C-alpha cells in the first residue's frame, strides 16, 4: 500500500515537472522568436540603407563622368562655363540631361517607397507622406 501511494505521488510530481518544463520552453521559444523578428528588422533596415547608398554612388559616378550634369541639380558654376553653353544646344546633351534627371527621380522614388513600407522607420514622419 505504501508503494502505491509513492507511485501515485511520484507520477504527479513528474506530470507537474513536465508542465513546468513545457511552459518554460514555450516562453523561451516566444522570447527567441521576438528577438529573431527584431534582428530581422534591423538587418532589413541596414540593407535598405546600403542599397540607398549604392544608388547615391551611382548618381555620383554619373556626375563625375560628365560634370555638366550638375546643371540639372542646381546653379553650379559649370552652368556659366562657355563649354556648357555650346553643349547645351546639342540634342545628345539634352537627351543625356533628361536621362540623368529621370535617373535621379527614379532613384529617390525607389528609396522613398521602400522607406515608407518599412514598419520600424526611424522617422515616423516618412510614413505619413
Protein backbone atom coordinates (compact mmCIF):
# COMPACT_ATOMS: atom_id res chain seq x y z
CA UNK A 1 0.00 0.00 0.00
CA UNK A 2 2.85 2.36 0.79
CA UNK A 3 4.36 1.55 -2.59
CA UNK A 4 1.16 2.54 -4.42
CA UNK A 5 1.00 5.89 -2.60
CA UNK A 6 4.63 6.64 -3.51
CA UNK A 7 3.99 5.74 -7.15
CA UNK A 8 0.96 8.00 -7.41
CA UNK A 9 2.76 10.90 -5.75
CA UNK A 10 5.84 10.45 -7.95
CA UNK A 11 3.68 10.38 -11.08
CA UNK A 12 2.01 13.65 -10.16
CA UNK A 13 5.41 15.26 -9.49
CA UNK A 14 6.62 14.13 -12.93
CA UNK A 15 3.45 15.43 -14.53
CA UNK A 16 3.86 18.78 -12.78
CA UNK A 17 7.52 18.91 -13.79
CA UNK A 18 6.54 18.16 -17.41
CA UNK A 19 4.02 21.01 -17.40
CA UNK A 20 6.56 23.45 -15.91
CA UNK A 21 9.23 22.45 -18.42
CA UNK A 22 6.73 22.84 -21.27
CA UNK A 23 5.71 26.31 -20.09
CA UNK A 24 9.32 27.42 -19.73
CA UNK A 25 10.10 26.06 -23.20
CA UNK A 26 7.09 27.88 -24.68
CA UNK A 27 8.09 31.17 -23.01
CA UNK A 28 11.69 30.83 -24.17
CA UNK A 29 10.53 29.97 -27.67
CA UNK A 30 8.35 33.08 -27.78
CA UNK A 31 11.19 35.25 -26.47
CA UNK A 32 13.65 33.95 -29.06
CA UNK A 33 11.05 34.38 -31.82
CA UNK A 34 10.68 38.03 -30.76
CA UNK A 35 14.46 38.52 -30.73
CA UNK A 36 14.72 36.91 -34.16
CA UNK A 37 11.99 39.20 -35.54
CA UNK A 38 13.72 42.28 -34.12
CA UNK A 39 17.07 41.23 -35.58
CA UNK A 40 15.46 40.62 -38.97
CA UNK A 41 14.02 44.14 -38.93
CA UNK A 42 17.44 45.61 -38.11
CA UNK A 43 19.06 43.68 -40.95
CA UNK A 44 16.31 44.77 -43.32
CA UNK A 45 16.77 48.42 -42.38
CA UNK A 46 20.52 48.11 -42.82
CA UNK A 47 20.01 46.53 -46.24
CA UNK A 48 17.80 49.44 -47.22
CA UNK A 49 20.48 51.92 -46.16
CA UNK A 50 23.17 50.03 -48.08
CA UNK A 51 21.08 49.92 -51.26
CA UNK A 52 20.24 53.61 -50.97
CA UNK A 53 23.91 54.42 -50.58
CA UNK A 54 24.74 52.38 -53.68
CA UNK A 55 22.14 54.32 -55.65
CA UNK A 56 23.61 57.62 -54.47
CA UNK A 57 27.05 56.44 -55.50
CA UNK A 58 25.67 55.68 -58.97
CA UNK A 59 24.46 59.27 -59.19
CA UNK A 60 27.88 60.49 -58.10
CA UNK A 61 29.53 58.35 -60.79
CA UNK A 62 27.31 59.92 -63.43
CA UNK A 63 28.25 63.38 -62.20
CA UNK A 64 31.93 62.53 -62.27
CA UNK A 65 31.65 61.13 -65.80
CA UNK A 66 30.07 64.33 -67.09
CA UNK A 67 30.26 67.31 -64.71
CA UNK A 68 27.93 69.29 -66.95
CA UNK A 69 25.08 67.27 -65.45
CA UNK A 70 25.36 69.43 -62.32
CA UNK A 71 23.33 71.93 -64.29
CA UNK A 72 20.33 69.71 -63.77
CA UNK A 73 20.65 69.82 -59.99
CA UNK A 74 21.40 73.44 -59.14
CA UNK A 75 23.06 76.65 -60.26
CA UNK A 76 26.51 75.17 -60.28
CA UNK A 77 29.39 77.19 -61.68
CA UNK A 78 29.70 74.82 -64.62
CA UNK A 79 26.47 76.33 -65.92
CA UNK A 80 28.27 79.58 -66.62
CA UNK A 81 31.14 77.93 -68.48
CA UNK A 82 31.48 78.58 -72.19
CA UNK A 83 31.66 74.85 -72.97
CA UNK A 84 28.32 74.29 -71.28
CA UNK A 85 26.57 76.98 -73.29
CA UNK A 86 27.85 75.43 -76.50
CA UNK A 87 26.97 71.89 -75.42
CA UNK A 88 23.51 72.55 -74.03
CA UNK A 89 22.10 73.14 -77.51
CA UNK A 90 23.10 69.72 -78.82
CA UNK A 91 20.37 67.08 -78.84
CA UNK A 92 22.72 64.45 -77.39
CA UNK A 93 23.44 66.56 -74.32
CA UNK A 94 19.76 67.40 -73.88
CA UNK A 95 18.91 63.70 -74.00
CA UNK A 96 21.70 62.91 -71.53
CA UNK A 97 20.46 65.64 -69.19
CA UNK A 98 16.89 64.32 -69.39
CA UNK A 99 18.07 60.77 -68.76
CA UNK A 100 20.07 61.89 -65.74
CA UNK A 101 17.10 63.81 -64.35
CA UNK A 102 14.87 60.74 -64.69
CA UNK A 103 17.58 58.57 -63.16
CA UNK A 104 17.75 60.82 -60.09
CA UNK A 105 13.97 61.00 -59.74
CA UNK A 106 13.54 57.25 -60.12
CA UNK A 107 16.29 56.57 -57.60
CA UNK A 108 14.70 58.72 -54.94
CA UNK A 109 11.24 57.35 -55.74
CA UNK A 110 12.52 53.82 -55.11
CA UNK A 111 14.23 54.83 -51.87
CA UNK A 112 11.17 56.74 -50.67
CA UNK A 113 8.75 53.92 -51.46
CA UNK A 114 10.96 51.38 -49.67
CA UNK A 115 11.32 53.67 -46.69
CA UNK A 116 7.58 54.18 -46.49
CA UNK A 117 6.97 50.45 -46.49
CA UNK A 118 9.41 49.86 -43.63
CA UNK A 119 7.43 49.22 -40.47
CA UNK A 120 10.05 50.30 -37.95
CA UNK A 121 11.00 53.54 -39.62
CA UNK A 122 13.42 55.74 -37.73
CA UNK A 123 11.48 58.88 -38.69
CA UNK A 124 7.70 58.40 -38.31
CA UNK A 125 7.07 61.48 -40.46
CA UNK A 126 8.15 59.50 -43.53
CA UNK A 127 5.24 57.08 -43.14
CA UNK A 128 2.76 59.98 -43.22
CA UNK A 129 3.71 61.05 -46.77
